[in-house]
C-alpha atoms as a PDB file:
ATOM      1  CA  MET A   1     255.931 219.559 211.314  1.00  0.00           C
ATOM      2  CA  MET A   2     255.824 222.298 214.511  1.00  0.00           C
ATOM      3  CA  LEU A   3     255.873 220.919 217.846  1.00  0.00           C
ATOM      4  CA  LEU A   4     253.517 222.902 219.719  1.00  0.00           C
ATOM      5  CA  HIS A   5     255.228 223.836 222.861  1.00  0.00           C
ATOM      6  CA  ARG A   6     252.655 225.031 225.997  1.00  0.00           C
ATOM      7  CA  PRO A   7     253.888 225.679 229.558  1.00  0.00           C
ATOM      8  CA  ARG A   8     251.409 223.504 231.715  1.00  0.00           C
ATOM      9  CA  ARG A   9     249.056 225.422 233.740  1.00  0.00           C
ATOM     10  CA  GLY A  10     249.670 225.816 237.530  1.00  0.00           C
ATOM     11  CA  VAL A  11     252.994 223.943 237.507  1.00  0.00           C
ATOM     12  CA  ARG A  12     255.876 226.139 237.885  1.00  0.00           C
ATOM     13  CA  ALA A  13     258.232 226.167 235.274  1.00  0.00           C
ATOM     14  CA  VAL A  14     262.313 225.247 235.965  1.00  0.00           C
ATOM     15  CA  ARG A  15     265.008 226.864 234.281  1.00  0.00           C
ATOM     16  CA  ARG A  16     266.536 224.992 231.562  1.00  0.00           C
ATOM     17  CA  PRO A  17     269.221 225.243 228.860  1.00  0.00           C
ATOM     18  CA  ALA A  18     267.565 226.144 225.170  1.00  0.00           C
ATOM     19  CA  GLY A  19     267.166 223.244 223.635  1.00  0.00           C
ATOM     20  CA  LEU A  20     267.757 220.915 226.458  1.00  0.00           C
ATOM     21  CA  TRP A  21     264.229 218.798 226.134  1.00  0.00           C
ATOM     22  CA  LEU A  22     263.248 219.700 222.383  1.00  0.00           C
ATOM     23  CA  PRO A  23     265.392 216.828 220.791  1.00  0.00           C
ATOM     24  CA  LEU A  24     263.358 214.406 222.613  1.00  0.00           C
ATOM     25  CA  ALA A  25     259.935 215.622 221.841  1.00  0.00           C
ATOM     26  CA  TRP A  26     260.421 216.000 218.655  1.00  0.00           C
ATOM     27  CA  LEU A  27     261.726 212.497 218.755  1.00  0.00           C
ATOM     28  CA  LEU A  28     258.696 211.180 220.819  1.00  0.00           C
ATOM     29  CA  LEU A  29     256.429 212.371 218.987  1.00  0.00           C
ATOM     30  CA  ALA A  30     257.715 211.221 215.552  1.00  0.00           C
ATOM     31  CA  ALA A  31     258.130 207.626 216.737  1.00  0.00           C
ATOM     32  CA  LEU A  32     254.378 208.093 218.080  1.00  0.00           C
ATOM     33  CA  ALA A  33     252.722 209.069 214.752  1.00  0.00           C
ATOM     34  CA  ALA A  34     254.552 206.269 213.251  1.00  0.00           C
ATOM     35  CA  ALA A  35     253.479 203.144 215.458  1.00  0.00           C
ATOM     36  CA  VAL A  36     249.857 204.084 216.390  1.00  0.00           C
ATOM     37  CA  PRO A  37     247.596 203.405 213.213  1.00  0.00           C
ATOM     38  CA  LEU A  38     244.414 205.506 213.731  1.00  0.00           C
ATOM     39  CA  ALA A  39     241.261 205.620 212.365  1.00  0.00           C
ATOM     40  CA  ALA A  40     239.670 209.303 212.391  1.00  0.00           C
ATOM     41  CA  ARG A  41     235.853 208.230 211.811  1.00  0.00           C
ATOM     42  CA  ALA A  42     235.789 206.871 215.555  1.00  0.00           C
ATOM     43  CA  ALA A  43     237.866 209.759 216.847  1.00  0.00           C
ATOM     44  CA  PRO A  44     236.528 213.123 218.146  1.00  0.00           C
ATOM     45  CA  GLY A  45     238.134 215.001 215.278  1.00  0.00           C
ATOM     46  CA  SER A  46     236.069 212.890 212.425  1.00  0.00           C
ATOM     47  CA  ALA A  47     233.466 216.425 211.663  1.00  0.00           C
ATOM     48  CA  ILE A  48     235.944 218.779 211.502  1.00  0.00           C
ATOM     49  CA  ALA A  49     236.573 219.650 207.385  1.00  0.00           C
ATOM     50  CA  TRP A  50     240.124 219.141 207.265  1.00  0.00           C
ATOM     51  CA  PRO A  51     241.938 220.665 204.129  1.00  0.00           C
ATOM     52  CA  VAL A  52     242.505 218.673 200.785  1.00  0.00           C
ATOM     53  CA  ILE A  53     245.666 217.549 200.857  1.00  0.00           C
ATOM     54  CA  LEU A  54     247.017 217.312 196.747  1.00  0.00           C
ATOM     55  CA  PHE A  55     249.681 214.936 195.440  1.00  0.00           C
ATOM     56  CA  PRO A  56     252.161 215.502 192.316  1.00  0.00           C
ATOM     57  CA  ASP A  57     251.821 212.194 190.665  1.00  0.00           C
ATOM     58  CA  LYS A  58     248.384 209.914 190.440  1.00  0.00           C
ATOM     59  CA  HIS A  59     250.822 206.740 190.703  1.00  0.00           C
ATOM     60  CA  LEU A  60     252.391 207.707 194.263  1.00  0.00           C
ATOM     61  CA  SER A  61     251.039 205.868 197.221  1.00  0.00           C
ATOM     62  CA  PRO A  62     250.091 208.436 200.132  1.00  0.00           C
ATOM     63  CA  TYR A  63     249.406 206.508 203.620  1.00  0.00           C
ATOM     64  CA  TRP A  64     248.417 208.151 206.847  1.00  0.00           C
ATOM     65  CA  VAL A  65     250.557 208.593 209.468  1.00  0.00           C
ATOM     66  CA  ALA A  66     248.120 209.990 211.799  1.00  0.00           C
ATOM     67  CA  GLU A  67     244.644 210.913 210.636  1.00  0.00           C
ATOM     68  CA  LEU A  68     244.251 212.249 213.983  1.00  0.00           C
ATOM     69  CA  ILE A  69     246.070 213.816 217.111  1.00  0.00           C
ATOM     70  CA  VAL A  70     245.379 216.301 219.808  1.00  0.00           C
ATOM     71  CA  GLN A  71     249.119 218.235 220.167  1.00  0.00           C
ATOM     72  CA  ASN A  72     248.806 220.516 223.630  1.00  0.00           C
ATOM     73  CA  LYS A  73     245.345 221.214 222.323  1.00  0.00           C
ATOM     74  CA  ILE A  74     245.810 221.450 218.708  1.00  0.00           C
ATOM     75  CA  PRO A  75     244.142 218.934 216.213  1.00  0.00           C
ATOM     76  CA  MET A  76     246.294 217.885 213.547  1.00  0.00           C
ATOM     77  CA  GLN A  77     246.578 215.443 210.672  1.00  0.00           C
ATOM     78  CA  ILE A  78     249.925 214.115 209.117  1.00  0.00           C
ATOM     79  CA  GLN A  79     250.154 212.449 205.551  1.00  0.00           C
ATOM     80  CA  ALA A  80     253.267 211.665 203.777  1.00  0.00           C
ATOM     81  CA  PHE A  81     254.210 209.348 200.097  1.00  0.00           C
ATOM     82  CA  ASP A  82     257.702 208.251 199.957  1.00  0.00           C
ATOM     83  CA  VAL A  83     260.022 208.376 196.462  1.00  0.00           C
ATOM     84  CA  ASP A  84     263.128 206.933 194.920  1.00  0.00           C
ATOM     85  CA  GLY A  85     266.231 209.327 194.420  1.00  0.00           C
ATOM     86  CA  ASP A  86     265.572 213.061 195.117  1.00  0.00           C
ATOM     87  CA  THR A  87     262.535 214.972 195.876  1.00  0.00           C
ATOM     88  CA  ARG A  88     263.029 218.105 193.467  1.00  0.00           C
ATOM     89  CA  GLN A  89     259.505 217.051 191.341  1.00  0.00           C
ATOM     90  CA  ALA A  90     257.659 217.004 194.334  1.00  0.00           C
ATOM     91  CA  ARG A  91     258.980 220.297 195.779  1.00  0.00           C
ATOM     92  CA  ARG A  92     258.566 221.928 192.862  1.00  0.00           C
ATOM     93  CA  PHE A  93     254.741 220.900 193.310  1.00  0.00           C
ATOM     94  CA  TYR A  94     254.387 221.802 196.482  1.00  0.00           C
ATOM     95  CA  GLN A  95     256.500 225.114 196.158  1.00  0.00           C
ATOM     96  CA  GLU A  96     253.679 226.082 193.479  1.00  0.00           C
ATOM     97  CA  TRP A  97     250.684 224.852 195.446  1.00  0.00           C
ATOM     98  CA  LEU A  98     251.360 226.427 198.502  1.00  0.00           C
ATOM     99  CA  GLY A  99     252.792 229.583 197.162  1.00  0.00           C
ATOM    100  CA  GLY A 100     249.331 230.471 196.003  1.00  0.00           C
ATOM    101  CA  LYS A 101     248.341 230.388 199.645  1.00  0.00           C
ATOM    102  CA  SER A 102     248.388 233.206 202.437  1.00  0.00           C
ATOM    103  CA  ASP A 103     251.638 233.466 204.401  1.00  0.00           C
ATOM    104  CA  PHE A 104     253.971 230.934 202.405  1.00  0.00           C
ATOM    105  CA  SER A 105     257.084 230.323 204.095  1.00  0.00           C
ATOM    106  CA  GLU A 106     259.995 228.311 203.127  1.00  0.00           C
ATOM    107  CA  THR A 107     263.444 227.126 205.374  1.00  0.00           C
ATOM    108  CA  THR A 108     264.946 224.518 206.333  1.00  0.00           C
ATOM    109  CA  LEU A 109     265.659 222.846 209.973  1.00  0.00           C
ATOM    110  CA  GLU A 110     268.485 220.441 211.028  1.00  0.00           C
ATOM    111  CA  GLY A 111     268.903 219.723 207.112  1.00  0.00           C
ATOM    112  CA  ILE A 112     265.348 219.123 206.666  1.00  0.00           C
ATOM    113  CA  PRO A 113     263.561 221.572 204.042  1.00  0.00           C
ATOM    114  CA  ILE A 114     260.219 222.674 205.319  1.00  0.00           C
ATOM    115  CA  LEU A 115     257.356 224.377 203.330  1.00  0.00           C
ATOM    116  CA  GLY A 116     254.505 225.915 205.060  1.00  0.00           C
ATOM    117  CA  ALA A 117     251.415 228.366 203.971  1.00  0.00           C
ATOM    118  CA  ARG A 118     248.053 228.619 205.720  1.00  0.00           C
ATOM    119  CA  ASP A 119     244.709 227.611 204.216  1.00  0.00           C
ATOM    120  CA  GLY A 120     241.422 228.582 206.332  1.00  0.00           C
ATOM    121  CA  HIS A 121     242.048 227.780 209.887  1.00  0.00           C
ATOM    122  CA  PHE A 122     244.949 225.599 209.396  1.00  0.00           C
ATOM    123  CA  ARG A 123     248.572 225.744 208.766  1.00  0.00           C
ATOM    124  CA  ILE A 124     249.674 223.226 205.970  1.00  0.00           C
ATOM    125  CA  THR A 125     253.507 222.052 206.538  1.00  0.00           C
ATOM    126  CA  VAL A 126     255.394 219.931 203.804  1.00  0.00           C
ATOM    127  CA  GLU A 127     258.594 218.032 205.029  1.00  0.00           C
ATOM    128  CA  PHE A 128     261.199 216.171 202.815  1.00  0.00           C
ATOM    129  CA  ARG A 129     262.748 213.530 205.322  1.00  0.00           C
ATOM    130  CA  PRO A 130     265.601 210.959 204.341  1.00  0.00           C
ATOM    131  CA  LEU A 131     264.674 207.645 205.407  1.00  0.00           C
ATOM    132  CA  PRO A 132     266.927 204.574 206.686  1.00  0.00           C
ATOM    133  CA  SER A 133     266.186 202.983 203.131  1.00  0.00           C
ATOM    134  CA  GLY A 134     267.467 205.304 200.947  1.00  0.00           C
ATOM    135  CA  LYS A 135     264.258 206.958 200.162  1.00  0.00           C
ATOM    136  CA  GLN A 136     262.874 209.794 200.682  1.00  0.00           C
ATOM    137  CA  GLN A 137     259.726 210.753 202.874  1.00  0.00           C
ATOM    138  CA  VAL A 138     257.495 213.602 201.695  1.00  0.00           C
ATOM    139  CA  ARG A 139     255.294 214.253 204.964  1.00  0.00           C
ATOM    140  CA  ILE A 140     252.132 216.649 204.622  1.00  0.00           C
ATOM    141  CA  SER A 141     250.492 217.598 208.367  1.00  0.00           C
ATOM    142  CA  SER A 142     247.486 220.259 208.553  1.00  0.00           C
ATOM    143  CA  ALA A 143     247.285 221.645 211.972  1.00  0.00           C
ATOM    144  CA  TRP A 144     244.500 223.764 213.556  1.00  0.00           C
ATOM    145  CA  LEU A 145     246.366 226.521 214.269  1.00  0.00           C
ATOM    146  CA  HIS A 146     244.392 229.889 213.272  1.00  0.00           C
ATOM    147  CA  GLY A 147     240.708 230.927 214.614  1.00  0.00           C
ATOM    148  CA  ALA A 148     238.631 229.287 217.546  1.00  0.00           C
ATOM    149  CA  VAL A 149     240.701 225.707 218.025  1.00  0.00           C
ATOM    150  CA  PRO A 150     237.664 223.210 218.328  1.00  0.00           C
ATOM    151  CA  GLN A 151     238.299 221.378 221.787  1.00  0.00           C
ATOM    152  CA  LEU A 152     238.718 217.588 221.098  1.00  0.00           C
ATOM    153  CA  VAL A 153     239.800 215.970 224.510  1.00  0.00           C
ATOM    154  CA  SER A 154     237.067 216.219 227.483  1.00  0.00           C
ATOM    155  CA  GLU A 155     238.369 217.226 230.619  1.00  0.00           C
ATOM    156  CA  GLN A 156     237.251 213.651 231.850  1.00  0.00           C
ATOM    157  CA  LEU A 157     239.491 212.304 229.744  1.00  0.00           C
ATOM    158  CA  GLN A 158     242.444 214.656 230.989  1.00  0.00           C
ATOM    159  CA  ARG A 159     241.757 213.865 234.255  1.00  0.00           C
ATOM    160  CA  ARG A 160     241.540 210.255 233.769  1.00  0.00           C
ATOM    161  CA  SER A 161     245.106 209.701 231.507  1.00  0.00           C
ATOM    162  CA  TYR A 162     247.033 212.229 234.020  1.00  0.00           C
ATOM    163  CA  LEU A 163     249.515 210.757 236.555  1.00  0.00           C
ATOM    164  CA  ALA A 164     251.458 212.865 238.951  1.00  0.00           C
ATOM    165  CA  VAL A 165     254.983 214.413 238.604  1.00  0.00           C
ATOM    166  CA  PRO A 166     257.124 216.190 240.816  1.00  0.00           C
ATOM    167  CA  MET A 167     256.287 220.296 241.438  1.00  0.00           C
ATOM    168  CA  GLY A 168     258.633 222.332 238.905  1.00  0.00           C
ATOM    169  CA  THR A 169     258.690 220.084 236.529  1.00  0.00           C
ATOM    170  CA  ASP A 170     258.459 221.195 232.632  1.00  0.00           C
ATOM    171  CA  GLU A 171     256.170 219.762 230.288  1.00  0.00           C
ATOM    172  CA  PHE A 172     257.137 220.287 226.550  1.00  0.00           C
ATOM    173  CA  SER A 173     254.303 217.996 224.432  1.00  0.00           C
ATOM    174  CA  ASP A 174     250.875 216.551 225.817  1.00  0.00           C
ATOM    175  CA  THR A 175     249.619 214.392 222.622  1.00  0.00           C
ATOM    176  CA  PHE A 176     246.768 212.532 222.201  1.00  0.00           C
ATOM    177  CA  SER A 177     246.005 209.958 219.634  1.00  0.00           C
ATOM    178  CA  PHE A 178     243.040 208.073 219.280  1.00  0.00           C
ATOM    179  CA  ASP A 179     242.217 204.276 217.310  1.00  0.00           C
ATOM    180  CA  ALA A 180     238.471 202.812 217.206  1.00  0.00           C
ATOM    181  CA  ASP A 181     237.821 202.183 220.533  1.00  0.00           C
ATOM    182  CA  ARG A 182     241.470 203.588 222.445  1.00  0.00           C
ATOM    183  CA  VAL A 183     243.507 206.593 223.611  1.00  0.00           C
ATOM    184  CA  ASN A 184     246.846 207.283 223.696  1.00  0.00           C
ATOM    185  CA  ARG A 185     248.045 210.087 226.286  1.00  0.00           C
ATOM    186  CA  THR A 186     251.719 210.758 225.922  1.00  0.00           C
ATOM    187  CA  THR A 187     253.367 213.741 227.557  1.00  0.00           C
ATOM    188  CA  VAL A 188     256.890 215.017 227.399  1.00  0.00           C
ATOM    189  CA  TRP A 189     258.392 216.348 230.685  1.00  0.00           C
ATOM    190  CA  GLY A 190     261.872 217.731 231.997  1.00  0.00           C
ATOM    191  CA  ASN A 191     263.380 218.549 235.335  1.00  0.00           C
ATOM    192  CA  THR A 192     266.432 219.031 236.887  1.00  0.00           C
ATOM    193  CA  LEU A 193     265.624 216.098 239.586  1.00  0.00           C
ATOM    194  CA  SER A 194     267.609 212.956 239.482  1.00  0.00           C
ATOM    195  CA  VAL A 195     266.106 209.910 238.012  1.00  0.00           C
ATOM    196  CA  GLU A 196     265.901 207.924 241.243  1.00  0.00           C
ATOM    197  CA  ALA A 197     263.934 210.702 242.565  1.00  0.00           C
ATOM    198  CA  ASN A 198     261.684 210.988 239.891  1.00  0.00           C
ATOM    199  CA  GLU A 199     260.766 207.408 239.526  1.00  0.00           C
ATOM    200  CA  LEU A 200     260.052 207.283 243.094  1.00  0.00           C
ATOM    201  CA  TYR A 201     257.655 210.218 243.037  1.00  0.00           C
ATOM    202  CA  ILE A 202     255.569 209.263 240.302  1.00  0.00           C
ATOM    203  CA  ARG A 203     255.515 205.553 241.138  1.00  0.00           C
ATOM    204  CA  GLU A 204     254.345 206.131 244.691  1.00  0.00           C
ATOM    205  CA  GLN A 205     252.005 208.915 243.431  1.00  0.00           C
ATOM    206  CA  ALA A 206     250.240 206.061 241.176  1.00  0.00           C
ATOM    207  CA  LEU A 207     250.012 203.666 243.960  1.00  0.00           C
ATOM    208  CA  VAL A 208     248.183 205.907 245.776  1.00  0.00           C
ATOM    209  CA  ALA A 209     245.896 207.001 243.192  1.00  0.00           C
ATOM    210  CA  GLY A 210     244.916 203.050 242.522  1.00  0.00           C
ATOM    211  CA  TRP A 211     247.527 202.052 239.756  1.00  0.00           C
ATOM    212  CA  THR A 212     249.335 198.780 240.418  1.00  0.00           C
ATOM    213  CA  VAL A 213     253.578 198.557 239.196  1.00  0.00           C
ATOM    214  CA  LEU A 214     253.392 195.595 236.738  1.00  0.00           C
ATOM    215  CA  SER A 215     257.564 196.182 235.913  1.00  0.00           C
ATOM    216  CA  ARG A 216     259.932 198.317 237.041  1.00  0.00           C
ATOM    217  CA  LYS A 217     263.684 198.350 236.561  1.00  0.00           C
ATOM    218  CA  THR A 218     266.608 200.974 236.454  1.00  0.00           C
ATOM    219  CA  ILE A 219     269.743 200.500 234.117  1.00  0.00           C
ATOM    220  CA  GLN A 220     273.093 202.018 232.873  1.00  0.00           C
ATOM    221  CA  GLY A 221     273.859 203.251 236.747  1.00  0.00           C
ATOM    222  CA  GLY A 222     270.968 204.484 237.424  1.00  0.00           C
ATOM    223  CA  THR A 223     270.782 206.923 234.618  1.00  0.00           C
ATOM    224  CA  ARG A 224     267.451 205.239 233.003  1.00  0.00           C
ATOM    225  CA  ALA A 225     264.732 203.635 234.311  1.00  0.00           C
ATOM    226  CA  GLN A 226     260.855 202.466 233.353  1.00  0.00           C
ATOM    227  CA  VAL A 227     257.823 201.453 235.144  1.00  0.00           C
ATOM    228  CA  VAL A 228     254.671 199.800 233.802  1.00  0.00           C
ATOM    229  CA  LEU A 229     251.772 200.306 235.521  1.00  0.00           C
ATOM    230  CA  ARG A 230     247.993 199.500 235.401  1.00  0.00           C
ATOM    231  CA  ARG A 231     245.003 200.271 236.911  1.00  0.00           C
ATOM    232  CA  GLY A 232     241.444 198.743 235.710  1.00  0.00           C
ATOM    233  CA  GLY A 233     241.693 199.211 231.320  1.00  0.00           C
ATOM    234  CA  GLN A 234     244.516 201.663 231.509  1.00  0.00           C
ATOM    235  CA  GLU A 235     248.471 200.618 231.282  1.00  0.00           C
ATOM    236  CA  ALA A 236     251.048 203.363 231.437  1.00  0.00           C
ATOM    237  CA  VAL A 237     254.669 203.016 230.446  1.00  0.00           C
ATOM    238  CA  ILE A 238     256.791 205.451 231.890  1.00  0.00           C
ATOM    239  CA  ALA A 239     260.600 206.310 230.497  1.00  0.00           C
ATOM    240  CA  LEU A 240     263.004 208.567 232.339  1.00  0.00           C
ATOM    241  CA  ALA A 241     267.004 209.297 231.347  1.00  0.00           C
ATOM    242  CA  HIS A 242     269.202 211.553 232.795  1.00  0.00           C
ATOM    243  CA  ASN A 243     269.843 213.928 230.205  1.00  0.00           C
ATOM    244  CA  GLY A 244     273.480 215.641 231.369  1.00  0.00           C
ATOM    245  CA  VAL A 245     271.827 218.232 233.627  1.00  0.00           C
ATOM    246  CA  GLY A 246     268.718 216.725 234.565  1.00  0.00           C
ATOM    247  CA  CYS A 247     265.723 214.331 233.961  1.00  0.00           C
ATOM    248  CA  SER A 248     263.619 213.543 230.820  1.00  0.00           C
ATOM    249  CA  ILE A 249     260.306 211.941 231.484  1.00  0.00           C
ATOM    250  CA  VAL A 250     257.963 210.050 228.672  1.00  0.00           C
ATOM    251  CA  ILE A 251     254.764 208.801 229.603  1.00  0.00           C
ATOM    252  CA  SER A 252     252.566 206.829 227.534  1.00  0.00           C
ATOM    253  CA  ASN A 253     248.894 205.856 228.899  1.00  0.00           C
ATOM    254  CA  THR A 254     246.980 203.543 227.085  1.00  0.00           C
ATOM    255  CA  LEU A 255     243.562 203.714 228.176  1.00  0.00           C
ATOM    256  CA  PRO A 256     239.611 203.062 226.693  1.00  0.00           C
ATOM    257  CA  GLN A 257     237.929 205.651 225.108  1.00  0.00           C
ATOM    258  CA  ALA A 258     234.573 205.498 226.812  1.00  0.00           C
END
């Protein structure tokens, strides 16, 4: 699954070494997708005509990784199934299936084979990932990348779920995920300020905006920090870490949909 990067409007992007924040964003998105059970029928993307995903064997047990996430305004679905041993049969199946569609591609990223093709408005991507259990996960994602993209996240929801970060901070991912009655917004940021300076700014701006600090802690000599905030039905967790040249920031805010 590709990471869709969009510089944040109205915020001056800082200069950064290539690839500095990307691994964190990939890790975050994978963890988010694996951890949040979603129900598309209650989510704003339930009316989308998603592509029908084929599977190589009727005896497989496909499962949802995410029925709906919206990453940088792009609606996505992710399904997967696990197999014992190698994935050659599954790879041949998806090479044949996707090979008959337009814009077919086959590549390897950090040792992970990836197939992709266009299906109408969508880009279907198939990844073959090793699991800690020794099994192989075949992960199939559908992302609306072509044509007019439906806007599933309202401006009101964006405002309600926003927490301020220092000027000059670069945003690398903005992901909304939905369940029956709640929504999670997880953003990945990076800048060249210290962990302490970022934590102080975010916490003080949150207090001004009506948030209450539930907990805060700094560990590993000030190179890592975590703050937990609450405001009404919202709860936000901010994780900050020094990465060698600056600070990586992950903000996860869970709130009611309505």
